Amino acid sequence: MVKVFCPCGREYQVPEAQLGSQVKCAACSRTFVAQAAGSEPEVVSAADLLSPVEGGDDLDVVPSVAPAPEPEELKKPRLGDLAVERALVSKEHIEMCAKVQAALRKAGESEKRIGEILVEKGLIKPEQLEELLSEQYGEDSEEAPKPIPPPPRAEAPSKPSKPPEAEAPKASPASHGLRLLVLLCIAIAVFAAWRLWPAPTPQRTLAAYLQSCSERSAVPKKELAIRHLGITVREFRIDELLEPVHHDYTAELKLFASRKDQGGWKEMLKSVEMPIGKRQALRLVAASIPEAITPQDAGTLQICIYPVHCAMLFRPKGARLFKERKCRFLVVRSKTAKWSSGWKVAAYVPTEYPTPE
């Protein structure tokens, strides 16, 4: 008898004739090659690990018989191959599902079948998976896994119906009339705010000046105009504020300062070339610039002109009768580096324009 050891550590006595044969441990049911103690052990492959056999505590000798090949009719096709053959998915989709399975195994999570992953990714429908499983396992096979039901849709929670006693009572005629009264008051407030909202500064300046030129006023307000326009106003209506016109005289002031001849704003108007619109605007404002502010000291000059359409019943200076005309007033504001003026009425010109609705 020769002493042999199972990989689990169990010791056995076997005849020398059984050395080199496959034997089975009665303690751990593991199959190994019987070798004398002290010799180099053989590596037992997974194919040599046969299923446990019934017996006593003694060591059993296992005949080394190759497993019979699996009959072709018992081989089941893989579900991924069936899906590719039916053109439901591509091979890339199956490879992607295999990567998902590997990631789940690596993370220690429960592994999912290929069919489950295909349904979760929306690549196939649950009905198609059921057909593939039936084809893979057979129509009446009990081994076929149950198809995965589609994930339930999240439904909005239904609002509980109010009991009849909790319903709001119907509005009475008195409350309906109160609502109409509130809406009417809101509409009146909005209309009043729209009418009384302050107009832009040029319009307010023109309105204040024309009011000071009425028959009841003794003297027009000089601070609202560059010079008195010589009109007496009985009625007026401001119709429209037009787009402003801006003029910058920095270049003209530098050119005038570089010359030897000195002078004031009138000399600048005569000697420096400029567009007609800029010349007319400077001619309107020149009279209102203080004498201490000369073109040499101004450094810069900006003039802004707002045309305003206004309809009025007025009498020009020297006339005896009032007449109704539409006019275009020019309201201007000027500014230098050391001085600035507010909005002032500069001039008016009779004109025709469509009356706004």
Protein backbone atom coordinates (compact mmCIF):
# COMPACT_ATOMS: atom_id res chain seq x y z
CA MET A 1 0.00 0.00 0.00
CA VAL A 2 1.13 3.52 -0.86
CA LYS A 3 0.20 6.69 1.02
CA VAL A 4 -1.49 9.41 -1.12
CA PHE A 5 -2.97 12.77 -0.19
CA CYS A 6 -6.01 14.60 -1.56
CA PRO A 7 -5.52 18.32 -2.28
CA CYS A 8 -7.90 18.96 0.63
CA GLY A 9 -5.34 17.25 2.99
CA ARG A 10 -7.12 13.91 3.51
CA GLU A 11 -4.70 10.91 3.66
CA TYR A 12 -5.42 7.56 1.92
CA GLN A 13 -3.69 4.17 1.45
CA VAL A 14 -4.00 2.80 -2.11
CA PRO A 15 -2.43 -0.20 -3.85
CA GLU A 16 0.57 0.52 -6.04
CA ALA A 17 -1.43 -0.64 -9.05
CA GLN A 18 -3.72 2.41 -8.67
CA LEU A 19 -0.89 4.98 -8.80
CA GLY A 20 -1.44 7.31 -11.72
CA SER A 21 -5.19 6.62 -11.82
CA GLN A 22 -7.92 9.17 -11.11
CA VAL A 23 -9.45 8.66 -7.72
CA LYS A 24 -12.15 10.48 -5.84
CA CYS A 25 -11.93 11.83 -2.29
CA ALA A 26 -14.74 10.64 -0.06
CA ALA A 27 -14.47 13.80 2.08
CA CYS A 28 -14.57 16.64 -0.49
CA SER A 29 -15.76 14.65 -3.56
CA ARG A 30 -12.81 15.99 -5.54
CA THR A 31 -11.21 13.91 -8.24
CA PHE A 32 -7.39 13.84 -8.36
CA VAL A 33 -4.56 11.67 -9.67
CA ALA A 34 -3.22 9.23 -7.09
CA GLN A 35 0.46 9.91 -6.56
CA ALA A 36 2.88 8.66 -3.95
CA ALA A 37 3.53 11.09 -1.11
CA GLY A 38 6.57 13.27 -1.83
CA SER A 39 6.27 13.20 -5.66
CA GLU A 40 5.32 16.31 -7.67
CA PRO A 41 1.52 16.55 -7.88
CA GLU A 42 -0.26 16.76 -11.21
CA VAL A 43 -2.46 19.72 -12.05
CA VAL A 44 -6.04 18.54 -12.21
CA SER A 45 -8.02 20.25 -14.98
CA ALA A 46 -11.63 21.32 -14.70
CA ALA A 47 -12.63 18.56 -17.12
CA ASP A 48 -11.28 15.95 -14.66
CA LEU A 49 -13.54 17.17 -11.85
CA LEU A 50 -16.42 14.74 -12.29
CA SER A 51 -19.69 14.79 -10.44
CA PRO A 52 -19.73 13.16 -6.99
CA VAL A 53 -20.53 9.45 -6.82
CA GLU A 54 -22.37 7.54 -4.15
CA GLY A 55 -20.20 5.40 -1.88
CA GLY A 56 -18.60 4.97 1.54
CA ASP A 57 -15.67 6.66 3.16
CA ASP A 58 -13.04 4.76 1.10
CA LEU A 59 -11.29 6.30 -1.88
CA ASP A 60 -13.04 5.49 -5.19
CA VAL A 61 -11.21 4.91 -8.44
CA VAL A 62 -12.78 6.92 -11.32
CA PRO A 63 -12.30 5.54 -14.81
CA SER A 64 -10.91 8.22 -17.13
CA VAL A 65 -13.57 8.17 -19.79
CA ALA A 66 -13.99 11.17 -22.09
CA PRO A 67 -17.43 12.77 -21.82
CA ALA A 68 -19.79 11.89 -24.59
CA PRO A 69 -20.31 14.70 -27.09
CA GLU A 70 -23.53 16.61 -26.70
CA PRO A 71 -26.08 15.64 -29.36
CA GLU A 72 -26.71 18.30 -31.96
CA GLU A 73 -30.45 18.29 -31.25
CA LEU A 74 -29.77 19.24 -27.58
CA LYS A 75 -27.67 22.30 -28.41
CA LYS A 76 -29.66 25.52 -27.98
CA PRO A 77 -28.93 28.55 -30.20
CA ARG A 78 -27.88 31.69 -28.41
CA LEU A 79 -30.49 34.39 -28.13
CA GLY A 80 -28.12 37.06 -29.48
CA ASP A 81 -27.47 35.00 -32.62
CA LEU A 82 -31.21 34.53 -33.14
CA ALA A 83 -31.82 38.28 -32.81
CA VAL A 84 -29.09 39.04 -35.35
CA GLU A 85 -30.44 36.41 -37.76
CA ARG A 86 -33.94 37.94 -37.54
CA ALA A 87 -32.36 41.38 -38.27
CA LEU A 88 -33.79 42.74 -35.02
CA VAL A 89 -30.39 44.00 -33.84
CA SER A 90 -26.83 44.13 -35.13
CA LYS A 91 -23.69 42.38 -33.88
CA GLU A 92 -22.53 45.70 -32.43
CA HIS A 93 -25.64 45.77 -30.24
CA ILE A 94 -24.90 42.25 -28.94
CA GLU A 95 -21.29 43.24 -28.20
CA MET A 96 -22.54 46.29 -26.33
CA CYS A 97 -24.83 44.07 -24.21
CA ALA A 98 -21.90 41.77 -23.46
CA LYS A 99 -19.91 44.78 -22.22
CA VAL A 100 -22.83 45.71 -19.96
CA GLN A 101 -22.83 42.18 -18.52
CA ALA A 102 -19.08 42.38 -17.90
CA ALA A 103 -19.46 45.74 -16.17
CA LEU A 104 -22.20 44.33 -13.91
CA ARG A 105 -20.02 41.33 -12.98
CA LYS A 106 -17.09 43.62 -12.25
CA ALA A 107 -19.25 45.84 -10.04
CA GLY A 108 -20.53 42.80 -8.13
CA GLU A 109 -24.15 43.41 -9.16
CA SER A 110 -26.62 40.76 -10.25
CA GLU A 111 -25.99 39.74 -13.83
CA LYS A 112 -28.67 40.33 -16.43
CA ARG A 113 -29.46 38.26 -19.50
CA ILE A 114 -28.85 39.54 -23.01
CA GLY A 115 -32.61 39.69 -23.58
CA GLU A 116 -33.16 41.86 -20.50
CA ILE A 117 -30.52 44.33 -21.61
CA LEU A 118 -31.92 44.48 -25.17
CA VAL A 119 -35.38 45.31 -23.80
CA GLU A 120 -34.07 47.90 -21.30
CA LYS A 121 -32.09 49.65 -24.07
CA GLY A 122 -35.21 49.76 -26.26
CA LEU A 123 -33.56 47.69 -29.01
CA ILE A 124 -36.32 45.06 -29.05
CA LYS A 125 -39.84 44.86 -27.66
CA PRO A 126 -40.95 42.43 -24.93
CA GLU A 127 -43.13 40.64 -27.52
CA GLN A 128 -40.10 40.09 -29.75
CA LEU A 129 -38.10 38.76 -26.80
CA GLU A 130 -40.88 36.30 -26.04
CA GLU A 131 -40.79 35.03 -29.61
CA LEU A 132 -36.99 34.62 -29.49
CA LEU A 133 -37.19 32.67 -26.20
CA SER A 134 -39.88 30.40 -27.62
CA GLU A 135 -37.72 29.71 -30.64
CA GLN A 136 -34.63 29.13 -28.48
CA TYR A 137 -36.20 26.73 -25.96
CA GLY A 138 -39.19 25.46 -27.90
CA GLU A 139 -42.84 26.36 -27.65
CA ASP A 140 -43.70 24.13 -24.65
CA SER A 141 -40.34 24.02 -22.89
CA GLU A 142 -40.43 24.64 -19.14
CA GLU A 143 -36.77 25.73 -19.18
CA ALA A 144 -37.53 28.91 -21.13
CA PRO A 145 -37.23 31.94 -18.83
CA LYS A 146 -40.24 34.14 -18.49
CA PRO A 147 -40.16 37.24 -20.73
CA ILE A 148 -39.43 40.54 -19.08
CA PRO A 149 -42.51 42.73 -18.78
CA PRO A 150 -42.11 46.31 -20.02
CA PRO A 151 -41.31 48.87 -17.31
CA PRO A 152 -44.50 50.41 -15.95
CA ARG A 153 -45.20 53.95 -17.05
CA ALA A 154 -45.27 56.59 -14.38
CA GLU A 155 -48.83 57.81 -14.24
CA ALA A 156 -49.77 61.12 -12.78
CA PRO A 157 -51.55 60.69 -9.50
CA SER A 158 -55.22 61.17 -9.96
CA LYS A 159 -56.71 64.04 -8.08
CA PRO A 160 -59.16 62.92 -5.46
CA SER A 161 -62.64 63.94 -6.34
CA LYS A 162 -64.13 66.47 -4.03
CA PRO A 163 -67.15 65.40 -2.09
CA PRO A 164 -70.34 67.18 -3.05
CA GLU A 165 -70.31 69.21 0.15
CA ALA A 166 -66.74 70.48 -0.57
CA GLU A 167 -67.62 72.04 -3.94
CA ALA A 168 -67.47 75.82 -4.13
CA PRO A 169 -70.84 77.49 -4.04
CA LYS A 170 -72.06 79.22 -7.17
CA ALA A 171 -71.47 82.94 -7.39
CA SER A 172 -74.47 85.02 -6.57
CA PRO A 173 -75.58 87.96 -8.78
CA ALA A 174 -74.31 90.39 -6.13
CA SER A 175 -70.78 88.96 -6.16
CA HIS A 176 -70.81 88.96 -9.98
CA GLY A 177 -71.66 92.65 -10.00
CA LEU A 178 -68.89 93.35 -7.48
CA ARG A 179 -66.36 91.69 -9.79
CA LEU A 180 -67.48 93.84 -12.71
CA LEU A 181 -67.13 96.95 -10.53
CA VAL A 182 -63.57 95.99 -9.56
CA LEU A 183 -62.61 95.39 -13.20
CA LEU A 184 -64.09 98.75 -14.18
CA CYS A 185 -62.09 100.55 -11.48
CA ILE A 186 -58.88 98.87 -12.66
CA ALA A 187 -59.54 99.94 -16.25
CA ILE A 188 -60.16 103.54 -15.16
CA ALA A 189 -56.95 103.58 -13.11
CA VAL A 190 -54.91 102.27 -16.04
CA PHE A 191 -56.40 104.87 -18.40
CA ALA A 192 -55.76 107.69 -15.92
CA ALA A 193 -52.17 106.58 -15.40
CA TRP A 194 -51.64 106.49 -19.16
CA ARG A 195 -53.03 109.99 -19.61
CA LEU A 196 -51.31 111.52 -16.60
CA TRP A 197 -47.93 109.82 -17.04
CA PRO A 198 -45.24 112.47 -17.46
CA ALA A 199 -44.38 113.19 -21.08
CA PRO A 200 -40.75 113.24 -22.24
CA THR A 201 -38.82 116.31 -21.15
CA PRO A 202 -38.85 118.06 -24.60
CA GLN A 203 -42.64 117.74 -24.76
CA ARG A 204 -43.09 119.02 -21.20
CA THR A 205 -40.79 121.96 -21.93
CA LEU A 206 -42.77 122.90 -25.06
CA ALA A 207 -46.12 122.53 -23.25
CA ALA A 208 -44.98 124.75 -20.37
CA TYR A 209 -43.68 127.40 -22.77
CA LEU A 210 -46.89 127.49 -24.85
CA GLN A 211 -48.97 127.77 -21.67
CA SER A 212 -46.86 130.78 -20.64
CA CYS A 213 -47.65 132.33 -24.06
CA SER A 214 -51.42 132.22 -23.54
CA GLU A 215 -53.69 135.27 -23.47
CA ARG A 216 -54.02 135.00 -19.71
CA SER A 217 -50.28 135.05 -19.12
CA ALA A 218 -48.57 138.40 -18.78
CA VAL A 219 -45.00 137.45 -19.77
CA PRO A 220 -43.71 134.21 -21.36
CA LYS A 221 -41.14 132.24 -19.35
CA LYS A 222 -37.74 133.25 -20.68
CA GLU A 223 -35.94 130.27 -19.13
CA LEU A 224 -37.95 127.90 -21.36
CA ALA A 225 -36.87 129.42 -24.69
CA ILE A 226 -33.65 130.69 -26.24
CA ARG A 227 -35.57 133.76 -27.33
CA HIS A 228 -39.24 134.74 -27.29
CA LEU A 229 -41.02 133.50 -30.40
CA GLY A 230 -43.52 136.38 -30.34
CA ILE A 231 -46.70 134.31 -30.39
CA THR A 232 -49.89 134.40 -28.34
CA VAL A 233 -51.46 130.96 -27.94
CA ARG A 234 -55.12 130.32 -27.24
CA GLU A 235 -55.20 126.52 -27.71
CA PHE A 236 -52.58 123.88 -28.57
CA ARG A 237 -52.21 120.13 -28.89
CA ILE A 238 -48.87 118.29 -28.99
CA ASP A 239 -49.21 115.46 -31.50
CA GLU A 240 -45.85 113.74 -31.94
CA LEU A 241 -42.25 113.74 -30.71
CA LEU A 242 -39.93 112.96 -33.64
CA GLU A 243 -36.51 111.31 -33.65
CA PRO A 244 -33.72 113.53 -32.23
CA VAL A 245 -30.78 114.90 -34.21
CA HIS A 246 -27.32 115.06 -32.57
CA HIS A 247 -24.39 117.29 -33.64
CA ASP A 248 -20.80 117.17 -32.36
CA TYR A 249 -18.52 120.19 -33.03
CA THR A 250 -15.24 118.87 -31.60
CA ALA A 251 -13.47 118.81 -34.99
CA GLU A 252 -14.73 122.29 -35.94
CA LEU A 253 -13.59 123.72 -32.60
CA LYS A 254 -10.07 122.29 -33.04
CA LEU A 255 -9.86 123.72 -36.56
CA PHE A 256 -11.01 127.16 -35.38
CA ALA A 257 -8.59 127.16 -32.42
CA SER A 258 -5.63 126.34 -34.69
CA ARG A 259 -6.10 129.55 -36.70
CA LYS A 260 -4.44 132.84 -35.79
CA ASP A 261 -7.59 134.91 -35.94
CA GLN A 262 -9.59 134.82 -32.72
CA GLY A 263 -13.26 135.49 -32.18
CA GLY A 264 -16.53 134.22 -30.85
CA TRP A 265 -19.20 131.85 -32.08
CA LYS A 266 -20.33 134.19 -34.85
CA GLU A 267 -16.79 134.33 -36.28
CA MET A 268 -16.63 130.53 -36.12
CA LEU A 269 -19.87 130.28 -38.11
CA LYS A 270 -18.38 132.52 -40.80
CA SER A 271 -14.88 131.03 -41.08
CA VAL A 272 -15.26 127.26 -40.49
CA GLU A 273 -16.89 125.06 -43.08
CA MET A 274 -19.52 122.61 -41.80
CA PRO A 275 -22.71 120.90 -43.06
CA ILE A 276 -25.83 123.02 -43.36
CA GLY A 277 -27.66 121.13 -40.58
CA LYS A 278 -24.80 121.68 -38.11
CA ARG A 279 -24.52 125.34 -39.09
CA GLN A 280 -28.25 125.94 -38.54
CA ALA A 281 -28.18 124.16 -35.17
CA LEU A 282 -25.18 126.21 -33.99
CA ARG A 283 -26.85 129.41 -35.18
CA LEU A 284 -29.91 128.55 -33.01
CA VAL A 285 -27.87 127.82 -29.89
CA ALA A 286 -25.09 130.44 -30.19
CA ALA A 287 -27.21 133.16 -28.56
CA SER A 288 -27.79 131.05 -25.43
CA ILE A 289 -24.10 130.19 -24.77
CA PRO A 290 -22.61 132.43 -22.05
CA GLU A 291 -20.08 135.01 -23.24
CA ALA A 292 -17.41 133.51 -20.94
CA ILE A 293 -17.53 130.26 -22.95
CA THR A 294 -15.60 131.00 -26.15
CA PRO A 295 -14.82 128.49 -28.93
CA GLN A 296 -11.18 128.43 -27.76
CA ASP A 297 -12.18 127.48 -24.19
CA ALA A 298 -15.15 125.21 -24.94
CA GLY A 299 -13.05 122.21 -25.98
CA THR A 300 -16.17 120.42 -27.21
CA LEU A 301 -19.79 121.17 -28.02
CA GLN A 302 -22.76 118.81 -28.45
CA ILE A 303 -26.21 119.93 -29.55
CA CYS A 304 -29.33 117.73 -29.46
CA ILE A 305 -32.48 118.82 -31.33
CA TYR A 306 -35.92 117.27 -30.86
CA PRO A 307 -38.55 118.18 -33.52
CA VAL A 308 -42.09 118.23 -32.07
CA HIS A 309 -45.32 118.37 -34.09
CA CYS A 310 -47.90 120.63 -32.52
CA ALA A 311 -51.29 121.96 -33.66
CA MET A 312 -52.34 125.31 -32.15
CA LEU A 313 -54.67 128.26 -32.42
CA PHE A 314 -52.34 131.26 -32.14
CA ARG A 315 -51.70 134.83 -33.22
CA PRO A 316 -48.22 135.87 -34.43
CA LYS A 317 -46.71 139.12 -33.25
CA GLY A 318 -48.34 142.10 -34.99
CA ALA A 319 -51.36 140.10 -36.25
CA ARG A 320 -54.89 140.92 -35.16
CA LEU A 321 -56.63 137.58 -35.78
CA PHE A 322 -55.97 134.10 -34.44
CA LYS A 323 -55.38 131.30 -36.91
CA GLU A 324 -55.20 127.56 -36.60
CA ARG A 325 -51.99 125.97 -37.96
CA LYS A 326 -49.85 122.90 -37.62
CA CYS A 327 -46.26 123.68 -36.74
CA ARG A 328 -42.96 121.95 -36.11
CA PHE A 329 -41.18 123.22 -33.01
CA LEU A 330 -37.46 122.68 -32.36
CA VAL A 331 -36.55 121.96 -28.74
CA VAL A 332 -32.76 121.93 -28.20
CA ARG A 333 -30.21 121.19 -25.51
CA SER A 334 -26.49 122.10 -25.72
CA LYS A 335 -23.46 121.07 -23.67
CA THR A 336 -19.76 121.94 -23.48
CA ALA A 337 -16.99 120.69 -21.22
CA LYS A 338 -17.65 123.55 -18.73
CA TRP A 339 -21.33 124.39 -19.29
CA SER A 340 -24.66 122.80 -20.19
CA SER A 341 -28.19 124.08 -20.72
CA GLY A 342 -31.55 122.47 -20.16
CA TRP A 343 -34.19 121.93 -22.80
CA LYS A 344 -35.24 125.18 -24.50
CA VAL A 345 -37.63 126.02 -27.31
CA ALA A 346 -35.58 127.43 -30.17
CA ALA A 347 -37.90 127.98 -33.15
CA TYR A 348 -41.05 126.89 -34.96
CA VAL A 349 -41.94 126.42 -38.61
CA PRO A 350 -45.50 126.06 -40.03
CA THR A 351 -45.81 122.66 -41.69
CA GLU A 352 -48.30 120.00 -42.69
CA TYR A 353 -48.35 116.49 -41.26
CA PRO A 354 -50.99 113.76 -40.91
CA THR A 355 -52.97 113.98 -37.72
CA PRO A 356 -52.29 110.90 -35.55
CA GLU A 357 -55.29 108.76 -34.71
